[in-house]
C-alpha atoms as a PDB file:
ATOM      1  CA  MET A   1      30.952 -11.451  21.375  1.00  0.00           C
ATOM      2  CA  ALA A   2      29.003 -12.684  18.364  1.00  0.00           C
ATOM      3  CA  LEU A   3      27.947 -10.249  15.669  1.00  0.00           C
ATOM      4  CA  LYS A   4      24.287 -10.660  16.615  1.00  0.00           C
ATOM      5  CA  ASP A   5      25.059  -9.353  20.121  1.00  0.00           C
ATOM      6  CA  LEU A   6      26.776  -6.154  18.989  1.00  0.00           C
ATOM      7  CA  ASN A   7      25.345  -2.716  18.421  1.00  0.00           C
ATOM      8  CA  ILE A   8      26.469  -1.722  14.916  1.00  0.00           C
ATOM      9  CA  GLY A   9      26.788   1.986  14.192  1.00  0.00           C
ATOM     10  CA  PHE A  10      27.164   3.570  10.745  1.00  0.00           C
ATOM     11  CA  ILE A  11      28.627   7.049  10.529  1.00  0.00           C
ATOM     12  CA  GLY A  12      27.196   8.088   7.178  1.00  0.00           C
ATOM     13  CA  GLY A  13      23.936   6.794   5.769  1.00  0.00           C
ATOM     14  CA  GLY A  14      24.698   6.815   2.036  1.00  0.00           C
ATOM     15  CA  LYS A  15      24.207   4.123  -0.600  1.00  0.00           C
ATOM     16  CA  MET A  16      27.008   1.862   0.602  1.00  0.00           C
ATOM     17  CA  ALA A  17      25.838   2.015   4.224  1.00  0.00           C
ATOM     18  CA  GLU A  18      22.316   1.271   3.037  1.00  0.00           C
ATOM     19  CA  ALA A  19      23.552  -1.741   1.063  1.00  0.00           C
ATOM     20  CA  ILE A  20      25.463  -3.102   4.044  1.00  0.00           C
ATOM     21  CA  ILE A  21      22.520  -2.646   6.405  1.00  0.00           C
ATOM     22  CA  LYS A  22      20.322  -4.471   3.915  1.00  0.00           C
ATOM     23  CA  GLY A  23      22.779  -7.366   3.804  1.00  0.00           C
ATOM     24  CA  VAL A  24      23.211  -7.564   7.570  1.00  0.00           C
ATOM     25  CA  LEU A  25      19.470  -7.661   8.146  1.00  0.00           C
ATOM     26  CA  ALA A  26      18.730 -10.041   5.250  1.00  0.00           C
ATOM     27  CA  SER A  27      21.319 -12.515   6.563  1.00  0.00           C
ATOM     28  CA  LYS A  28      19.732 -12.419  10.030  1.00  0.00           C
ATOM     29  CA  ALA A  29      23.193 -11.648  11.417  1.00  0.00           C
ATOM     30  CA  SER A  30      21.683  -8.743  13.333  1.00  0.00           C
ATOM     31  CA  SER A  31      18.320  -7.135  14.030  1.00  0.00           C
ATOM     32  CA  PRO A  32      17.025  -3.599  13.382  1.00  0.00           C
ATOM     33  CA  LYS A  33      17.176  -2.723  17.073  1.00  0.00           C
ATOM     34  CA  LYS A  34      20.952  -3.336  16.957  1.00  0.00           C
ATOM     35  CA  ILE A  35      21.555  -0.954  14.038  1.00  0.00           C
ATOM     36  CA  ILE A  36      22.322   2.755  14.548  1.00  0.00           C
ATOM     37  CA  VAL A  37      22.935   5.306  11.791  1.00  0.00           C
ATOM     38  CA  SER A  38      24.274   8.834  12.107  1.00  0.00           C
ATOM     39  CA  GLU A  39      23.354  10.927   9.080  1.00  0.00           C
ATOM     40  CA  PRO A  40      23.388  14.759   8.809  1.00  0.00           C
ATOM     41  CA  ASN A  41      20.854  14.990   5.957  1.00  0.00           C
ATOM     42  CA  PRO A  42      17.264  15.092   7.363  1.00  0.00           C
ATOM     43  CA  SER A  43      15.674  13.711   4.201  1.00  0.00           C
ATOM     44  CA  ARG A  44      18.153  10.864   4.121  1.00  0.00           C
ATOM     45  CA  ARG A  45      17.461  10.094   7.790  1.00  0.00           C
ATOM     46  CA  GLU A  46      13.740   9.957   7.009  1.00  0.00           C
ATOM     47  CA  TYR A  47      14.367   7.646   4.060  1.00  0.00           C
ATOM     48  CA  LEU A  48      16.466   5.221   6.112  1.00  0.00           C
ATOM     49  CA  GLU A  49      13.946   5.184   8.921  1.00  0.00           C
ATOM     50  CA  LYS A  50      11.178   4.211   6.478  1.00  0.00           C
ATOM     51  CA  SER A  51      13.364   1.682   4.655  1.00  0.00           C
ATOM     52  CA  PHE A  52      14.537  -0.109   7.797  1.00  0.00           C
ATOM     53  CA  PRO A  53      11.831   0.111  10.487  1.00  0.00           C
ATOM     54  CA  GLY A  54      13.249  -0.297  13.961  1.00  0.00           C
ATOM     55  CA  ILE A  55      16.759   1.035  13.406  1.00  0.00           C
ATOM     56  CA  LYS A  56      17.932   4.057  15.380  1.00  0.00           C
ATOM     57  CA  ILE A  57      18.648   7.249  13.434  1.00  0.00           C
ATOM     58  CA  LEU A  58      20.833   9.962  14.963  1.00  0.00           C
ATOM     59  CA  ALA A  59      22.366  13.232  13.875  1.00  0.00           C
ATOM     60  CA  ASP A  60      25.238  13.093  16.392  1.00  0.00           C
ATOM     61  CA  ASN A  61      28.346  11.044  15.593  1.00  0.00           C
ATOM     62  CA  CYS A  62      29.624  10.994  19.164  1.00  0.00           C
ATOM     63  CA  ALA A  63      26.301   9.765  20.473  1.00  0.00           C
ATOM     64  CA  LEU A  64      26.463   6.949  17.936  1.00  0.00           C
ATOM     65  CA  VAL A  65      29.999   5.943  18.961  1.00  0.00           C
ATOM     66  CA  LYS A  66      28.998   5.764  22.627  1.00  0.00           C
ATOM     67  CA  LYS A  67      26.044   3.501  21.800  1.00  0.00           C
ATOM     68  CA  SER A  68      27.925   1.222  19.372  1.00  0.00           C
ATOM     69  CA  ASP A  69      30.361  -1.672  19.616  1.00  0.00           C
ATOM     70  CA  LEU A  70      31.233  -1.894  15.915  1.00  0.00           C
ATOM     71  CA  VAL A  71      31.522   1.538  14.266  1.00  0.00           C
ATOM     72  CA  VAL A  72      31.494   1.644  10.451  1.00  0.00           C
ATOM     73  CA  LEU A  73      33.008   4.789   8.935  1.00  0.00           C
ATOM     74  CA  ALA A  74      30.917   5.095   5.761  1.00  0.00           C
ATOM     75  CA  VAL A  75      31.720   8.697   4.883  1.00  0.00           C
ATOM     76  CA  LYS A  76      33.317  10.271   1.822  1.00  0.00           C
ATOM     77  CA  PRO A  77      37.122  10.584   1.992  1.00  0.00           C
ATOM     78  CA  ASP A  78      36.983  14.386   1.884  1.00  0.00           C
ATOM     79  CA  VAL A  79      35.159  14.583   5.233  1.00  0.00           C
ATOM     80  CA  MET A  80      37.055  11.781   6.974  1.00  0.00           C
ATOM     81  CA  GLU A  81      39.465  14.109   8.768  1.00  0.00           C
ATOM     82  CA  PHE A  82      36.580  16.129  10.227  1.00  0.00           C
ATOM     83  CA  VAL A  83      34.769  12.964  11.358  1.00  0.00           C
ATOM     84  CA  LEU A  84      37.896  11.472  12.935  1.00  0.00           C
ATOM     85  CA  ARG A  85      38.589  14.666  14.854  1.00  0.00           C
ATOM     86  CA  GLU A  86      34.985  14.698  16.039  1.00  0.00           C
ATOM     87  CA  ILE A  87      34.803  11.113  17.282  1.00  0.00           C
ATOM     88  CA  SER A  88      38.319  10.902  18.723  1.00  0.00           C
ATOM     89  CA  ARG A  89      37.067  12.290  22.052  1.00  0.00           C
ATOM     90  CA  CYS A  90      34.284   9.681  22.224  1.00  0.00           C
ATOM     91  CA  ILE A  91      36.188   6.485  21.431  1.00  0.00           C
ATOM     92  CA  ASN A  92      36.368   3.735  24.045  1.00  0.00           C
ATOM     93  CA  ILE A  93      39.318   1.606  22.926  1.00  0.00           C
ATOM     94  CA  ARG A  94      38.070  -1.428  24.850  1.00  0.00           C
ATOM     95  CA  LYS A  95      34.543  -1.242  23.464  1.00  0.00           C
ATOM     96  CA  ASN A  96      34.737   0.284  19.975  1.00  0.00           C
ATOM     97  CA  LEU A  97      35.999  -1.615  16.939  1.00  0.00           C
ATOM     98  CA  ILE A  98      36.354   0.799  14.006  1.00  0.00           C
ATOM     99  CA  LEU A  99      35.787  -0.420  10.455  1.00  0.00           C
ATOM    100  CA  SER A 100      36.491   2.079   7.664  1.00  0.00           C
ATOM    101  CA  ILE A 101      35.118   1.654   4.146  1.00  0.00           C
ATOM    102  CA  ALA A 102      36.338   5.096   3.005  1.00  0.00           C
ATOM    103  CA  ALA A 103      38.247   4.700  -0.267  1.00  0.00           C
ATOM    104  CA  GLY A 104      41.914   5.638  -0.244  1.00  0.00           C
ATOM    105  CA  ILE A 105      42.210   6.479   3.452  1.00  0.00           C
ATOM    106  CA  PRO A 106      45.136   4.493   4.929  1.00  0.00           C
ATOM    107  CA  LEU A 107      45.189   2.969   8.387  1.00  0.00           C
ATOM    108  CA  ASP A 108      47.999   5.280   9.505  1.00  0.00           C
ATOM    109  CA  LEU A 109      45.854   8.336   8.937  1.00  0.00           C
ATOM    110  CA  ILE A 110      42.864   6.903  10.792  1.00  0.00           C
ATOM    111  CA  GLU A 111      44.982   5.742  13.726  1.00  0.00           C
ATOM    112  CA  ALA A 112      46.779   9.092  13.912  1.00  0.00           C
ATOM    113  CA  TYR A 113      43.536  10.890  14.743  1.00  0.00           C
ATOM    114  CA  LEU A 114      42.115   8.320  17.148  1.00  0.00           C
ATOM    115  CA  PRO A 115      43.262   7.459  20.689  1.00  0.00           C
ATOM    116  CA  GLU A 116      46.286   5.208  21.081  1.00  0.00           C
ATOM    117  CA  GLY A 117      45.149   1.591  21.102  1.00  0.00           C
ATOM    118  CA  THR A 118      42.059   2.078  18.939  1.00  0.00           C
ATOM    119  CA  ARG A 119      41.314  -1.071  16.944  1.00  0.00           C
ATOM    120  CA  VAL A 120      40.891  -0.158  13.269  1.00  0.00           C
ATOM    121  CA  ILE A 121      40.131  -2.367  10.273  1.00  0.00           C
ATOM    122  CA  ARG A 122      40.243  -0.980   6.742  1.00  0.00           C
ATOM    123  CA  VAL A 123      37.916  -2.422   4.100  1.00  0.00           C
ATOM    124  CA  MET A 124      37.733  -1.991   0.328  1.00  0.00           C
ATOM    125  CA  PRO A 125      34.265  -3.160  -0.781  1.00  0.00           C
ATOM    126  CA  ASN A 126      32.964  -2.697  -4.322  1.00  0.00           C
ATOM    127  CA  THR A 127      29.641  -1.522  -5.710  1.00  0.00           C
ATOM    128  CA  PRO A 128      28.015  -4.978  -6.081  1.00  0.00           C
ATOM    129  CA  ALA A 129      27.458  -4.579  -2.342  1.00  0.00           C
ATOM    130  CA  LEU A 130      24.269  -2.859  -3.506  1.00  0.00           C
ATOM    131  CA  VAL A 131      22.934  -6.319  -4.421  1.00  0.00           C
ATOM    132  CA  GLN A 132      24.753  -8.190  -1.613  1.00  0.00           C
ATOM    133  CA  ALA A 133      27.406  -9.466  -4.023  1.00  0.00           C
ATOM    134  CA  ALA A 134      30.422  -7.442  -2.930  1.00  0.00           C
ATOM    135  CA  VAL A 135      34.030  -8.473  -2.916  1.00  0.00           C
ATOM    136  CA  SER A 136      35.406  -6.864   0.238  1.00  0.00           C
ATOM    137  CA  VAL A 137      39.147  -6.878   0.911  1.00  0.00           C
ATOM    138  CA  TYR A 138      40.095  -6.066   4.487  1.00  0.00           C
ATOM    139  CA  THR A 139      43.227  -5.513   6.533  1.00  0.00           C
ATOM    140  CA  ASP A 140      44.061  -4.775  10.152  1.00  0.00           C
ATOM    141  CA  GLY A 141      45.623  -1.942  12.096  1.00  0.00           C
ATOM    142  CA  HIS A 142      48.223  -2.197  14.846  1.00  0.00           C
ATOM    143  CA  PHE A 143      45.892  -3.067  17.735  1.00  0.00           C
ATOM    144  CA  VAL A 144      43.423  -5.439  16.066  1.00  0.00           C
ATOM    145  CA  THR A 145      43.040  -8.918  17.565  1.00  0.00           C
ATOM    146  CA  ASP A 146      42.290 -12.236  15.881  1.00  0.00           C
ATOM    147  CA  GLU A 147      38.815 -12.033  17.401  1.00  0.00           C
ATOM    148  CA  ASP A 148      38.319  -8.618  15.805  1.00  0.00           C
ATOM    149  CA  LEU A 149      39.338  -9.986  12.395  1.00  0.00           C
ATOM    150  CA  ALA A 150      36.975 -12.950  12.710  1.00  0.00           C
ATOM    151  CA  LEU A 151      34.151 -10.569  13.612  1.00  0.00           C
ATOM    152  CA  ALA A 152      34.951  -8.315  10.643  1.00  0.00           C
ATOM    153  CA  GLU A 153      34.952 -11.295   8.279  1.00  0.00           C
ATOM    154  CA  GLU A 154      31.560 -12.443   9.600  1.00  0.00           C
ATOM    155  CA  PHE A 155      30.221  -8.923   9.130  1.00  0.00           C
ATOM    156  CA  LEU A 156      31.564  -8.523   5.579  1.00  0.00           C
ATOM    157  CA  LYS A 157      30.198 -11.890   4.485  1.00  0.00           C
ATOM    158  CA  THR A 158      26.662 -10.677   5.149  1.00  0.00           C
ATOM    159  CA  PHE A 159      26.820  -8.699   1.885  1.00  0.00           C
ATOM    160  CA  GLY A 160      29.281 -10.698  -0.235  1.00  0.00           C
ATOM    161  CA  ILE A 161      32.630 -12.405   0.172  1.00  0.00           C
ATOM    162  CA  ALA A 162      35.611 -11.241   2.243  1.00  0.00           C
ATOM    163  CA  ILE A 163      39.330 -11.596   1.516  1.00  0.00           C
ATOM    164  CA  TYR A 164      42.155 -10.612   3.891  1.00  0.00           C
ATOM    165  CA  LEU A 165      45.202  -8.930   2.342  1.00  0.00           C
ATOM    166  CA  PRO A 166      47.984  -6.672   3.664  1.00  0.00           C
ATOM    167  CA  GLU A 167      47.396  -2.961   3.138  1.00  0.00           C
ATOM    168  CA  MET A 168      50.228  -2.773   0.583  1.00  0.00           C
ATOM    169  CA  ALA A 169      47.930  -4.682  -1.818  1.00  0.00           C
ATOM    170  CA  PHE A 170      45.071  -2.180  -1.581  1.00  0.00           C
ATOM    171  CA  ASP A 171      46.092  -0.071  -4.591  1.00  0.00           C
ATOM    172  CA  ALA A 172      46.015  -3.180  -6.793  1.00  0.00           C
ATOM    173  CA  VAL A 173      42.707  -4.194  -5.220  1.00  0.00           C
ATOM    174  CA  THR A 174      41.329  -0.736  -6.020  1.00  0.00           C
ATOM    175  CA  GLY A 175      42.472  -1.029  -9.625  1.00  0.00           C
ATOM    176  CA  LEU A 176      41.026  -4.527 -10.073  1.00  0.00           C
ATOM    177  CA  SER A 177      37.921  -5.155  -7.963  1.00  0.00           C
ATOM    178  CA  GLY A 178      37.227  -1.579  -6.880  1.00  0.00           C
ATOM    179  CA  SER A 179      37.244  -0.168 -10.409  1.00  0.00           C
ATOM    180  CA  GLY A 180      36.434  -3.533 -11.992  1.00  0.00           C
ATOM    181  CA  PRO A 181      32.637  -3.165 -12.163  1.00  0.00           C
ATOM    182  CA  ALA A 182      33.091  -0.174 -14.498  1.00  0.00           C
ATOM    183  CA  PHE A 183      35.456  -2.153 -16.734  1.00  0.00           C
ATOM    184  CA  VAL A 184      33.092  -5.120 -16.849  1.00  0.00           C
ATOM    185  CA  ALA A 185      30.200  -2.766 -17.631  1.00  0.00           C
ATOM    186  CA  ALA A 186      32.180  -1.272 -20.525  1.00  0.00           C
ATOM    187  CA  PHE A 187      32.837  -4.773 -21.921  1.00  0.00           C
ATOM    188  CA  ILE A 188      29.160  -5.682 -21.553  1.00  0.00           C
ATOM    189  CA  GLU A 189      28.158  -2.464 -23.292  1.00  0.00           C
ATOM    190  CA  GLY A 190      30.487  -3.307 -26.171  1.00  0.00           C
ATOM    191  CA  LEU A 191      29.003  -6.788 -26.567  1.00  0.00           C
ATOM    192  CA  ILE A 192      25.465  -5.407 -26.555  1.00  0.00           C
ATOM    193  CA  ASP A 193      26.340  -2.780 -29.151  1.00  0.00           C
ATOM    194  CA  ALA A 194      27.968  -5.494 -31.255  1.00  0.00           C
ATOM    195  CA  GLY A 195      24.760  -7.510 -31.159  1.00  0.00           C
ATOM    196  CA  VAL A 196      22.761  -4.464 -32.227  1.00  0.00           C
ATOM    197  CA  HIS A 197      25.241  -3.794 -35.036  1.00  0.00           C
ATOM    198  CA  GLU A 198      24.647  -7.318 -36.314  1.00  0.00           C
ATOM    199  CA  GLY A 199      20.878  -6.766 -36.397  1.00  0.00           C
ATOM    200  CA  LEU A 200      19.599  -7.913 -32.991  1.00  0.00           C
ATOM    201  CA  PRO A 201      17.065  -5.808 -31.054  1.00  0.00           C
ATOM    202  CA  ARG A 202      18.850  -4.094 -28.151  1.00  0.00           C
ATOM    203  CA  GLU A 203      16.684  -5.797 -25.508  1.00  0.00           C
ATOM    204  CA  VAL A 204      17.460  -9.216 -27.004  1.00  0.00           C
ATOM    205  CA  ALA A 205      21.172  -8.410 -27.277  1.00  0.00           C
ATOM    206  CA  GLN A 206      21.274  -7.315 -23.634  1.00  0.00           C
ATOM    207  CA  THR A 207      19.550 -10.495 -22.454  1.00  0.00           C
ATOM    208  CA  LEU A 208      21.881 -12.691 -24.511  1.00  0.00           C
ATOM    209  CA  VAL A 209      24.971 -10.900 -23.178  1.00  0.00           C
ATOM    210  CA  LEU A 210      23.962 -10.860 -19.510  1.00  0.00           C
ATOM    211  CA  GLU A 211      22.857 -14.492 -19.454  1.00  0.00           C
ATOM    212  CA  THR A 212      25.977 -15.566 -21.349  1.00  0.00           C
ATOM    213  CA  ILE A 213      28.186 -13.806 -18.802  1.00  0.00           C
ATOM    214  CA  LEU A 214      26.252 -15.220 -15.850  1.00  0.00           C
ATOM    215  CA  GLY A 215      26.464 -18.718 -17.325  1.00  0.00           C
ATOM    216  CA  THR A 216      30.191 -18.404 -17.976  1.00  0.00           C
ATOM    217  CA  VAL A 217      30.819 -17.244 -14.409  1.00  0.00           C
ATOM    218  CA  LYS A 218      28.825 -20.238 -13.124  1.00  0.00           C
ATOM    219  CA  LEU A 219      30.956 -22.572 -15.245  1.00  0.00           C
ATOM    220  CA  MET A 220      34.058 -21.121 -13.621  1.00  0.00           C
ATOM    221  CA  LYS A 221      32.760 -20.952 -10.041  1.00  0.00           C
ATOM    222  CA  GLU A 222      30.577 -24.056  -9.843  1.00  0.00           C
ATOM    223  CA  ALA A 223      32.131 -26.399 -12.410  1.00  0.00           C
ATOM    224  CA  GLY A 224      35.693 -25.273 -11.686  1.00  0.00           C
ATOM    225  CA  LYS A 225      36.523 -24.418 -15.286  1.00  0.00           C
ATOM    226  CA  ASN A 226      39.370 -22.002 -15.971  1.00  0.00           C
ATOM    227  CA  PRO A 227      39.343 -19.479 -18.853  1.00  0.00           C
ATOM    228  CA  TYR A 228      41.483 -21.667 -21.109  1.00  0.00           C
ATOM    229  CA  GLU A 229      39.163 -24.651 -20.627  1.00  0.00           C
ATOM    230  CA  ILE A 230      36.098 -22.593 -21.486  1.00  0.00           C
ATOM    231  CA  LYS A 231      37.730 -21.236 -24.647  1.00  0.00           C
ATOM    232  CA  SER A 232      38.682 -24.781 -25.645  1.00  0.00           C
ATOM    233  CA  MET A 233      35.110 -25.984 -25.077  1.00  0.00           C
ATOM    234  CA  VAL A 234      33.692 -23.339 -27.442  1.00  0.00           C
ATOM    235  CA  ALA A 235      36.392 -22.773 -30.079  1.00  0.00           C
ATOM    236  CA  SER A 236      36.285 -25.536 -32.701  1.00  0.00           C
ATOM    237  CA  PRO A 237      38.869 -25.674 -35.530  1.00  0.00           C
ATOM    238  CA  GLY A 238      38.105 -23.195 -38.291  1.00  0.00           C
ATOM    239  CA  GLY A 239      34.890 -22.112 -36.565  1.00  0.00           C
ATOM    240  CA  THR A 240      33.229 -18.843 -35.626  1.00  0.00           C
ATOM    241  CA  THR A 241      34.665 -18.590 -32.104  1.00  0.00           C
ATOM    242  CA  ILE A 242      38.308 -18.971 -33.099  1.00  0.00           C
ATOM    243  CA  SER A 243      37.767 -16.321 -35.759  1.00  0.00           C
ATOM    244  CA  GLY A 244      36.443 -13.951 -33.118  1.00  0.00           C
ATOM    245  CA  LEU A 245      39.294 -14.781 -30.730  1.00  0.00           C
ATOM    246  CA  LYS A 246      41.784 -14.052 -33.528  1.00  0.00           C
ATOM    247  CA  ALA A 247      40.236 -10.586 -33.921  1.00  0.00           C
ATOM    248  CA  MET A 248      40.557 -10.017 -30.164  1.00  0.00           C
ATOM    249  CA  GLU A 249      44.223 -11.004 -30.249  1.00  0.00           C
ATOM    250  CA  LYS A 250      44.838  -8.755 -33.264  1.00  0.00           C
ATOM    251  CA  GLY A 251      43.342  -5.873 -31.293  1.00  0.00           C
ATOM    252  CA  ALA A 252      45.517  -6.689 -28.256  1.00  0.00           C
ATOM    253  CA  PHE A 253      42.393  -7.173 -26.144  1.00  0.00           C
ATOM    254  CA  LYS A 254      44.183  -8.740 -23.157  1.00  0.00           C
ATOM    255  CA  GLY A 255      46.890  -6.119 -23.300  1.00  0.00           C
ATOM    256  CA  VAL A 256      44.280  -3.348 -23.229  1.00  0.00           C
ATOM    257  CA  ILE A 257      42.609  -4.957 -20.201  1.00  0.00           C
ATOM    258  CA  MET A 258      45.942  -5.280 -18.377  1.00  0.00           C
ATOM    259  CA  ASP A 259      46.811  -1.663 -19.214  1.00  0.00           C
ATOM    260  CA  THR A 260      43.379  -0.572 -17.969  1.00  0.00           C
ATOM    261  CA  VAL A 261      43.842  -2.195 -14.562  1.00  0.00           C
ATOM    262  CA  SER A 262      47.441  -0.923 -14.379  1.00  0.00           C
ATOM    263  CA  ALA A 263      46.282   2.641 -15.072  1.00  0.00           C
ATOM    264  CA  ALA A 264      43.643   2.447 -12.341  1.00  0.00           C
ATOM    265  CA  THR A 265      46.168   0.920  -9.914  1.00  0.00           C
ATOM    266  CA  GLU A 266      48.761   3.591 -10.662  1.00  0.00           C
ATOM    267  CA  ARG A 267      46.201   6.338 -10.112  1.00  0.00           C
ATOM    268  CA  SER A 268      45.291   4.731  -6.793  1.00  0.00           C
ATOM    269  CA  ARG A 269      48.988   4.791  -5.819  1.00  0.00           C
ATOM    270  CA  GLU A 270      49.186   8.489  -6.725  1.00  0.00           C
ATOM    271  CA  ILE A 271      46.143   9.256  -4.580  1.00  0.00           C
ATOM    272  CA  THR A 272      47.575   7.159  -1.727  1.00  0.00           C
ATOM    273  CA  ASP A 273      50.846   9.111  -1.901  1.00  0.00           C
ATOM    274  CA  GLN A 274      48.913  12.393  -1.787  1.00  0.00           C
ATOM    275  CA  ILE A 275      46.978  11.188   1.244  1.00  0.00           C
ATOM    276  CA  HIS A 276      50.209  10.152   2.983  1.00  0.00           C
ATOM    277  CA  GLU A 277      51.578  13.650   2.410  1.00  0.00           C
ATOM    278  CA  LEU A 278      48.445  15.049   4.027  1.00  0.00           C
ATOM    279  CA  LEU A 279      48.887  12.531   6.849  1.00  0.00           C
ATOM    280  CA  ASP A 280      52.403  13.782   7.541  1.00  0.00           C
ATOM    281  CA  GLU A 281      51.099  17.350   7.731  1.00  0.00           C
ATOM    282  CA  ALA A 282      48.215  16.276   9.975  1.00  0.00           C
ATOM    283  CA  VAL A 283      50.520  14.391  12.354  1.00  0.00           C
ATOM    284  CA  LYS A 284      52.779  17.431  12.659  1.00  0.00           C
ATOM    285  CA  GLU A 285      49.731  19.563  13.419  1.00  0.00           C
ATOM    286  CA  LEU A 286      48.491  17.117  16.063  1.00  0.00           C
ATOM    287  CA  GLU A 287      51.958  16.995  17.640  1.00  0.00           C
ATOM    288  CA  GLU A 288      52.081  20.787  17.801  1.00  0.00           C
ATOM    289  CA  MET A 289      48.659  20.741  19.477  1.00  0.00           C
ATOM    290  CA  GLY A 290      49.913  18.147  21.957  1.00  0.00           C
ATOM    291  CA  LEU A 291      47.197  15.667  20.926  1.00  0.00           C
ATOM    292  CA  LEU A 292      49.623  12.827  20.227  1.00  0.00           C
ATOM    293  CA  GLU A 293      51.335  12.987  23.591  1.00  0.00           C
ATOM    294  CA  GLU A 294      50.697  10.110  25.939  1.00  0.00           C
ATOM    295  CA  GLU A 295      48.344  10.855  28.810  1.00  0.00           C
ATOM    296  CA  ASP A 296      49.605  10.597  32.370  1.00  0.00           C
END
């Protein structure tokens, strides 16, 4: 089935779900009557209903699963276990494709709570999804088909770009593109403050920095220039740019950036290990309850 023919359900109606809905509707990939959101907060439900006229708003996760083909798990990691337990009795493995955007929750954990054969895709989007400019990395569970992956890619491209990677890469993805907007923002803040320090009004400094960054990105994406080529275009012998680049090298700028991403990646690995420990405990609990035994 094409994306436009599917009922798309969002369990959780927070900012990321809102951003995705906005992208899906703006791209014309789906229509409001095909969108369903389950959200426990009454004021949030009212807000979504006003923001996206025509979508269905529910307070029951199981009711949403039964009405949906594609189910997006857009909840915080700390409530994922509760949600998975709740919807496990409602899943139709032939109908429901599950797409999780919960940070740090591995496929093994999700699959452990859901019926055998449930098709699960894990996605790591980043915050530029709020302006339909996300980088979303996705990977597949044990029962996902090529058709499911193609559908997920079409869905993710409605609010940015989509890249397939194995799950083992997700900690590095978290450290780079997941945490990256904060690192870029810190760099931008430093450039703006530098402009102010040199006597520019803050508003002017901010405009100069943002437009310079946007223009540089366009040079790389549209003109195919790599970082070395751009530096060579700007840095003339004995000039201002090479003097600035020398100061960056003296301060080990690239090393600091690499260490920053490494620190974020390592922390992601630590969190992943903690979650796997919880998964092992959860699987033992489910086995003791007889919930992982095959049905007759």
